Amino acid sequence: MTRIIAVKPVGEGWSVQADAFDSEMMFLSGAKAEAAARRLAKTLARNGESSEIHIFLRDGALAGQFAVRANLALTG
């Protein structure tokens, strides 16, 4: 199963939400939110889970999408 990690604008800041977790992380900068999403995806990959990072613009449009594959060599 591929996990979805979304980086979205919220008010004056940015949130990182993942279907793997109930809570969200909040950031003042979109760059910091994207960096946190990438770190989360790498952690999931080390634990054998693939993920996709979806980054949204302030107008709601999808700005980019990145796939991170599970690192099965570390889990097997």
PDB file of N, CA and C in Angstrom:
ATOM      1  N   MET A   1       0.836  -1.176   0.000  1.00  0.00           N
ATOM      2  CA  MET A   1       0.000   0.000   0.000  1.00  0.00           C
ATOM      3  C   MET A   1       0.886   1.247   0.000  1.00  0.00           C
ATOM      4  N   THR A   2       0.551   2.191  -0.819  1.00  0.00           N
ATOM      5  CA  THR A   2       1.306   3.440  -0.898  1.00  0.00           C
ATOM      6  C   THR A   2       0.667   4.476   0.021  1.00  0.00           C
ATOM      7  N   ARG A   3       1.468   5.037   0.904  1.00  0.00           N
ATOM      8  CA  ARG A   3       1.010   6.081   1.823  1.00  0.00           C
ATOM      9  C   ARG A   3       1.014   7.421   1.105  1.00  0.00           C
ATOM     10  N   ILE A   4       0.051   8.274   1.426  1.00  0.00           N
ATOM     11  CA  ILE A   4      -0.033   9.605   0.840  1.00  0.00           C
ATOM     12  C   ILE A   4       0.352  10.633   1.898  1.00  0.00           C
ATOM     13  N   ILE A   5       1.285  11.509   1.527  1.00  0.00           N
ATOM     14  CA  ILE A   5       1.714  12.610   2.381  1.00  0.00           C
ATOM     15  C   ILE A   5       1.369  13.891   1.626  1.00  0.00           C
ATOM     16  N   ALA A   6       0.564  14.752   2.240  1.00  0.00           N
ATOM     17  CA  ALA A   6       0.123  15.974   1.571  1.00  0.00           C
ATOM     18  C   ALA A   6       0.696  17.203   2.264  1.00  0.00           C
ATOM     19  N   VAL A   7       1.217  18.119   1.447  1.00  0.00           N
ATOM     20  CA  VAL A   7       1.691  19.424   1.920  1.00  0.00           C
ATOM     21  C   VAL A   7       0.688  20.447   1.395  1.00  0.00           C
ATOM     22  N   LYS A   8      -0.022  21.113   2.334  1.00  0.00           N
ATOM     23  CA  LYS A   8      -1.094  22.027   1.946  1.00  0.00           C
ATOM     24  C   LYS A   8      -0.985  23.345   2.706  1.00  0.00           C
ATOM     25  N   PRO A   9      -1.428  24.428   2.063  1.00  0.00           N
ATOM     26  CA  PRO A   9      -1.467  25.706   2.763  1.00  0.00           C
ATOM     27  C   PRO A   9      -2.605  25.712   3.779  1.00  0.00           C
ATOM     28  N   VAL A  10      -2.345  26.303   4.948  1.00  0.00           N
ATOM     29  CA  VAL A  10      -3.358  26.461   5.987  1.00  0.00           C
ATOM     30  C   VAL A  10      -3.174  27.845   6.586  1.00  0.00           C
ATOM     31  N   GLY A  11      -4.115  28.732   6.350  1.00  0.00           N
ATOM     32  CA  GLY A  11      -3.984  30.105   6.854  1.00  0.00           C
ATOM     33  C   GLY A  11      -2.715  30.743   6.323  1.00  0.00           C
ATOM     34  N   GLU A  12      -1.870  31.214   7.229  1.00  0.00           N
ATOM     35  CA  GLU A  12      -0.602  31.828   6.846  1.00  0.00           C
ATOM     36  C   GLU A  12       0.540  30.811   6.781  1.00  0.00           C
ATOM     37  N   GLY A  13       0.266  29.564   7.138  1.00  0.00           N
ATOM     38  CA  GLY A  13       1.307  28.545   7.187  1.00  0.00           C
ATOM     39  C   GLY A  13       1.035  27.378   6.255  1.00  0.00           C
ATOM     40  N   TRP A  14       1.686  26.259   6.581  1.00  0.00           N
ATOM     41  CA  TRP A  14       1.590  25.048   5.768  1.00  0.00           C
ATOM     42  C   TRP A  14       1.455  23.838   6.673  1.00  0.00           C
ATOM     43  N   SER A  15       0.713  22.839   6.211  1.00  0.00           N
ATOM     44  CA  SER A  15       0.557  21.617   6.994  1.00  0.00           C
ATOM     45  C   SER A  15       1.111  20.430   6.216  1.00  0.00           C
ATOM     46  N   VAL A  16       1.540  19.434   6.973  1.00  0.00           N
ATOM     47  CA  VAL A  16       1.938  18.137   6.409  1.00  0.00           C
ATOM     48  C   VAL A  16       1.016  17.112   7.053  1.00  0.00           C
ATOM     49  N   GLN A  17       0.264  16.429   6.221  1.00  0.00           N
ATOM     50  CA  GLN A  17      -0.665  15.405   6.681  1.00  0.00           C
ATOM     51  C   GLN A  17      -0.310  14.098   5.984  1.00  0.00           C
ATOM     52  N   ALA A  18      -0.418  13.011   6.729  1.00  0.00           N
ATOM     53  CA  ALA A  18      -0.147  11.691   6.161  1.00  0.00           C
ATOM     54  C   ALA A  18      -1.237  10.736   6.598  1.00  0.00           C
ATOM     55  N   ASP A  19      -1.650   9.855   5.693  1.00  0.00           N
ATOM     56  CA  ASP A  19      -2.692   8.898   6.051  1.00  0.00           C
ATOM     57  C   ASP A  19      -2.190   7.872   7.070  1.00  0.00           C
ATOM     58  N   ALA A  20      -0.895   7.858   7.319  1.00  0.00           N
ATOM     59  CA  ALA A  20      -0.324   6.933   8.303  1.00  0.00           C
ATOM     60  C   ALA A  20      -0.477   7.454   9.732  1.00  0.00           C
ATOM     61  N   PHE A  21      -0.854   8.747   9.880  1.00  0.00           N
ATOM     62  CA  PHE A  21      -0.927   9.375  11.199  1.00  0.00           C
ATOM     63  C   PHE A  21      -2.220  10.160  11.348  1.00  0.00           C
ATOM     64  N   ASP A  22      -2.694  10.288  12.587  1.00  0.00           N
ATOM     65  CA  ASP A  22      -3.920  11.030  12.868  1.00  0.00           C
ATOM     66  C   ASP A  22      -3.689  12.531  12.949  1.00  0.00           C
ATOM     67  N   SER A  23      -2.500  12.948  13.314  1.00  0.00           N
ATOM     68  CA  SER A  23      -2.229  14.372  13.509  1.00  0.00           C
ATOM     69  C   SER A  23      -1.515  14.955  12.295  1.00  0.00           C
ATOM     70  N   GLU A  24      -1.382  16.269  12.299  1.00  0.00           N
ATOM     71  CA  GLU A  24      -0.668  16.944  11.226  1.00  0.00           C
ATOM     72  C   GLU A  24       0.431  17.812  11.819  1.00  0.00           C
ATOM     73  N   MET A  25       1.418  18.119  11.011  1.00  0.00           N
ATOM     74  CA  MET A  25       2.512  18.999  11.420  1.00  0.00           C
ATOM     75  C   MET A  25       2.274  20.359  10.765  1.00  0.00           C
ATOM     76  N   MET A  26       2.559  21.423  11.491  1.00  0.00           N
ATOM     77  CA  MET A  26       2.356  22.770  10.974  1.00  0.00           C
ATOM     78  C   MET A  26       3.698  23.498  10.849  1.00  0.00           C
ATOM     79  N   PHE A  27       3.826  24.296   9.778  1.00  0.00           N
ATOM     80  CA  PHE A  27       5.065  25.029   9.499  1.00  0.00           C
ATOM     81  C   PHE A  27       4.720  26.431   9.000  1.00  0.00           C
ATOM     82  N   LEU A  28       5.617  27.368   9.234  1.00  0.00           N
ATOM     83  CA  LEU A  28       5.439  28.732   8.738  1.00  0.00           C
ATOM     84  C   LEU A  28       5.880  28.866   7.287  1.00  0.00           C
ATOM     85  N   SER A  29       6.712  27.951   6.826  1.00  0.00           N
ATOM     86  CA  SER A  29       7.279  28.014   5.480  1.00  0.00           C
ATOM     87  C   SER A  29       6.925  26.761   4.688  1.00  0.00           C
ATOM     88  N   GLY A  30       6.588  26.963   3.425  1.00  0.00           N
ATOM     89  CA  GLY A  30       6.306  25.828   2.547  1.00  0.00           C
ATOM     90  C   GLY A  30       7.536  24.968   2.335  1.00  0.00           C
ATOM     91  N   ALA A  31       8.705  25.592   2.282  1.00  0.00           N
ATOM     92  CA  ALA A  31       9.953  24.842   2.095  1.00  0.00           C
ATOM     93  C   ALA A  31      10.210  23.912   3.280  1.00  0.00           C
ATOM     94  N   LYS A  32       9.951  24.412   4.493  1.00  0.00           N
ATOM     95  CA  LYS A  32      10.151  23.567   5.676  1.00  0.00           C
ATOM     96  C   LYS A  32       9.131  22.438   5.721  1.00  0.00           C
ATOM     97  N   ALA A  33       7.915  22.718   5.291  1.00  0.00           N
ATOM     98  CA  ALA A  33       6.892  21.675   5.246  1.00  0.00           C
ATOM     99  C   ALA A  33       7.272  20.592   4.237  1.00  0.00           C
ATOM    100  N   GLU A  34       7.757  21.002   3.069  1.00  0.00           N
ATOM    101  CA  GLU A  34       8.168  20.029   2.056  1.00  0.00           C
ATOM    102  C   GLU A  34       9.351  19.196   2.556  1.00  0.00           C
ATOM    103  N   ALA A  35      10.299  19.822   3.220  1.00  0.00           N
ATOM    104  CA  ALA A  35      11.452  19.094   3.763  1.00  0.00           C
ATOM    105  C   ALA A  35      10.997  18.054   4.793  1.00  0.00           C
ATOM    106  N   ALA A  36      10.042  18.434   5.637  1.00  0.00           N
ATOM    107  CA  ALA A  36       9.520  17.492   6.630  1.00  0.00           C
ATOM    108  C   ALA A  36       8.796  16.331   5.950  1.00  0.00           C
ATOM    109  N   ALA A  37       8.056  16.623   4.888  1.00  0.00           N
ATOM    110  CA  ALA A  37       7.363  15.567   4.138  1.00  0.00           C
ATOM    111  C   ALA A  37       8.363  14.591   3.526  1.00  0.00           C
ATOM    112  N   ARG A  38       9.454  15.109   3.007  1.00  0.00           N
ATOM    113  CA  ARG A  38      10.483  14.243   2.420  1.00  0.00           C
ATOM    114  C   ARG A  38      11.160  13.378   3.493  1.00  0.00           C
ATOM    115  N   ARG A  39      11.401  13.951   4.664  1.00  0.00           N
ATOM    116  CA  ARG A  39      11.975  13.165   5.767  1.00  0.00           C
ATOM    117  C   ARG A  39      11.015  12.059   6.195  1.00  0.00           C
ATOM    118  N   LEU A  40       9.747  12.381   6.277  1.00  0.00           N
ATOM    119  CA  LEU A  40       8.740  11.389   6.638  1.00  0.00           C
ATOM    120  C   LEU A  40       8.689  10.271   5.599  1.00  0.00           C
ATOM    121  N   ALA A  41       8.739  10.621   4.321  1.00  0.00           N
ATOM    122  CA  ALA A  41       8.723   9.618   3.255  1.00  0.00           C
ATOM    123  C   ALA A  41       9.948   8.708   3.337  1.00  0.00           C
ATOM    124  N   LYS A  42      11.111   9.272   3.645  1.00  0.00           N
ATOM    125  CA  LYS A  42      12.325   8.462   3.786  1.00  0.00           C
ATOM    126  C   LYS A  42      12.212   7.512   4.976  1.00  0.00           C
ATOM    127  N   THR A  43      11.612   7.990   6.064  1.00  0.00           N
ATOM    128  CA  THR A  43      11.413   7.126   7.233  1.00  0.00           C
ATOM    129  C   THR A  43      10.472   5.979   6.898  1.00  0.00           C
ATOM    130  N   LEU A  44       9.389   6.285   6.200  1.00  0.00           N
ATOM    131  CA  LEU A  44       8.461   5.232   5.784  1.00  0.00           C
ATOM    132  C   LEU A  44       9.165   4.227   4.872  1.00  0.00           C
ATOM    133  N   ALA A  45      10.004   4.719   3.966  1.00  0.00           N
ATOM    134  CA  ALA A  45      10.728   3.837   3.047  1.00  0.00           C
ATOM    135  C   ALA A  45      11.659   2.900   3.800  1.00  0.00           C
ATOM    136  N   ARG A  46      12.341   3.410   4.813  1.00  0.00           N
ATOM    137  CA  ARG A  46      13.218   2.569   5.624  1.00  0.00           C
ATOM    138  C   ARG A  46      12.430   1.493   6.364  1.00  0.00           C
ATOM    139  N   ASN A  47      11.151   1.775   6.636  1.00  0.00           N
ATOM    140  CA  ASN A  47      10.294   0.809   7.323  1.00  0.00           C
ATOM    141  C   ASN A  47       9.494  -0.062   6.347  1.00  0.00           C
ATOM    142  N   GLY A  48       9.863  -0.011   5.066  1.00  0.00           N
ATOM    143  CA  GLY A  48       9.259  -0.891   4.076  1.00  0.00           C
ATOM    144  C   GLY A  48       7.965  -0.400   3.458  1.00  0.00           C
ATOM    145  N   GLU A  49       7.658   0.893   3.589  1.00  0.00           N
ATOM    146  CA  GLU A  49       6.425   1.434   3.025  1.00  0.00           C
ATOM    147  C   GLU A  49       6.723   2.470   1.948  1.00  0.00           C
ATOM    148  N   SER A  50       6.070   2.326   0.800  1.00  0.00           N
ATOM    149  CA  SER A  50       6.181   3.317  -0.263  1.00  0.00           C
ATOM    150  C   SER A  50       5.263   4.483   0.053  1.00  0.00           C
ATOM    151  N   SER A  51       5.584   5.645  -0.501  1.00  0.00           N
ATOM    152  CA  SER A  51       4.729   6.809  -0.274  1.00  0.00           C
ATOM    153  C   SER A  51       4.767   7.735  -1.481  1.00  0.00           C
ATOM    154  N   GLU A  52       3.789   8.623  -1.525  1.00  0.00           N
ATOM    155  CA  GLU A  52       3.744   9.694  -2.514  1.00  0.00           C
ATOM    156  C   GLU A  52       3.572  10.994  -1.752  1.00  0.00           C
ATOM    157  N   ILE A  53       4.349  11.995  -2.132  1.00  0.00           N
ATOM    158  CA  ILE A  53       4.221  13.325  -1.561  1.00  0.00           C
ATOM    159  C   ILE A  53       3.460  14.174  -2.571  1.00  0.00           C
ATOM    160  N   HIS A  54       2.357  14.776  -2.140  1.00  0.00           N
ATOM    161  CA  HIS A  54       1.565  15.674  -2.984  1.00  0.00           C
ATOM    162  C   HIS A  54       1.701  17.079  -2.410  1.00  0.00           C
ATOM    163  N   ILE A  55       2.154  18.012  -3.226  1.00  0.00           N
ATOM    164  CA  ILE A  55       2.357  19.395  -2.784  1.00  0.00           C
ATOM    165  C   ILE A  55       1.345  20.286  -3.495  1.00  0.00           C
ATOM    166  N   PHE A  56       0.577  21.030  -2.691  1.00  0.00           N
ATOM    167  CA  PHE A  56      -0.479  21.878  -3.218  1.00  0.00           C
ATOM    168  C   PHE A  56      -0.114  23.346  -3.082  1.00  0.00           C
ATOM    169  N   LEU A  57      -0.563  24.155  -4.045  1.00  0.00           N
ATOM    170  CA  LEU A  57      -0.374  25.604  -4.017  1.00  0.00           C
ATOM    171  C   LEU A  57      -1.466  26.248  -3.171  1.00  0.00           C
ATOM    172  N   ARG A  58      -1.319  27.523  -2.899  1.00  0.00           N
ATOM    173  CA  ARG A  58      -2.321  28.248  -2.104  1.00  0.00           C
ATOM    174  C   ARG A  58      -3.696  28.266  -2.780  1.00  0.00           C
ATOM    175  N   ASP A  59      -3.746  28.179  -4.106  1.00  0.00           N
ATOM    176  CA  ASP A  59      -5.041  28.167  -4.792  1.00  0.00           C
ATOM    177  C   ASP A  59      -5.661  26.771  -4.858  1.00  0.00           C
ATOM    178  N   GLY A  60      -4.999  25.782  -4.260  1.00  0.00           N
ATOM    179  CA  GLY A  60      -5.523  24.414  -4.217  1.00  0.00           C
ATOM    180  C   GLY A  60      -5.043  23.513  -5.346  1.00  0.00           C
ATOM    181  N   ALA A  61      -4.330  24.074  -6.312  1.00  0.00           N
ATOM    182  CA  ALA A  61      -3.833  23.281  -7.432  1.00  0.00           C
ATOM    183  C   ALA A  61      -2.665  22.395  -6.993  1.00  0.00           C
ATOM    184  N   LEU A  62      -2.575  21.238  -7.597  1.00  0.00           N
ATOM    185  CA  LEU A  62      -1.461  20.331  -7.332  1.00  0.00           C
ATOM    186  C   LEU A  62      -0.213  20.872  -8.022  1.00  0.00           C
ATOM    187  N   ALA A  63       0.813  21.201  -7.234  1.00  0.00           N
ATOM    188  CA  ALA A  63       2.041  21.785  -7.772  1.00  0.00           C
ATOM    189  C   ALA A  63       3.059  20.722  -8.142  1.00  0.00           C
ATOM    190  N   GLY A  64       3.059  19.615  -7.418  1.00  0.00           N
ATOM    191  CA  GLY A  64       4.039  18.569  -7.672  1.00  0.00           C
ATOM    192  C   GLY A  64       3.697  17.309  -6.922  1.00  0.00           C
ATOM    193  N   GLN A  65       4.280  16.233  -7.404  1.00  0.00           N
ATOM    194  CA  GLN A  65       4.035  14.918  -6.817  1.00  0.00           C
ATOM    195  C   GLN A  65       5.319  14.110  -6.924  1.00  0.00           C
ATOM    196  N   PHE A  66       5.721  13.483  -5.808  1.00  0.00           N
ATOM    197  CA  PHE A  66       6.957  12.710  -5.781  1.00  0.00           C
ATOM    198  C   PHE A  66       6.669  11.333  -5.194  1.00  0.00           C
ATOM    199  N   ALA A  67       7.209  10.310  -5.803  1.00  0.00           N
ATOM    200  CA  ALA A  67       7.057   8.949  -5.293  1.00  0.00           C
ATOM    201  C   ALA A  67       8.347   8.526  -4.597  1.00  0.00           C
ATOM    202  N   VAL A  68       8.198   7.873  -3.456  1.00  0.00           N
ATOM    203  CA  VAL A  68       9.339   7.348  -2.712  1.00  0.00           C
ATOM    204  C   VAL A  68       9.062   5.868  -2.479  1.00  0.00           C
ATOM    205  N   ARG A  69       9.891   5.029  -3.050  1.00  0.00           N
ATOM    206  CA  ARG A  69       9.693   3.584  -2.948  1.00  0.00           C
ATOM    207  C   ARG A  69      10.233   3.029  -1.649  1.00  0.00           C
ATOM    208  N   ALA A  70       9.594   1.962  -1.198  1.00  0.00           N
ATOM    209  CA  ALA A  70      10.048   1.265   0.017  1.00  0.00           C
ATOM    210  C   ALA A  70      11.436   0.687  -0.209  1.00  0.00           C
ATOM    211  N   ASN A  71      12.241   0.734   0.816  1.00  0.00           N
ATOM    212  CA  ASN A  71      13.570   0.148   0.760  1.00  0.00           C
ATOM    213  C   ASN A  71      13.478  -1.255   1.331  1.00  0.00           C
ATOM    214  N   LEU A  72      13.125  -2.201   0.488  1.00  0.00           N
ATOM    215  CA  LEU A  72      12.880  -3.559   0.942  1.00  0.00           C
ATOM    216  C   LEU A  72      14.161  -4.272   1.369  1.00  0.00           C
ATOM    217  N   ALA A  73      15.300  -3.799   0.896  1.00  0.00           N
ATOM    218  CA  ALA A  73      16.560  -4.428   1.279  1.00  0.00           C
ATOM    219  C   ALA A  73      16.819  -4.270   2.781  1.00  0.00           C
ATOM    220  N   LEU A  74      16.354  -3.187   3.357  1.00  0.00           N
ATOM    221  CA  LEU A  74      16.570  -2.953   4.792  1.00  0.00           C
ATOM    222  C   LEU A  74      15.567  -3.697   5.667  1.00  0.00           C
ATOM    223  N   THR A  75      14.408  -4.070   5.095  1.00  0.00           N
ATOM    224  CA  THR A  75      13.386  -4.701   5.914  1.00  0.00           C
ATOM    225  C   THR A  75      13.431  -6.213   5.831  1.00  0.00           C
ATOM    226  N   GLY A  76      14.066  -6.762   4.821  1.00  0.00           N
ATOM    227  CA  GLY A  76      14.054  -8.209   4.617  1.00  0.00           C
ATOM    228  C   GLY A  76      15.261  -8.807   5.202  1.00  0.00           C
TER     229      GLY A  76
END
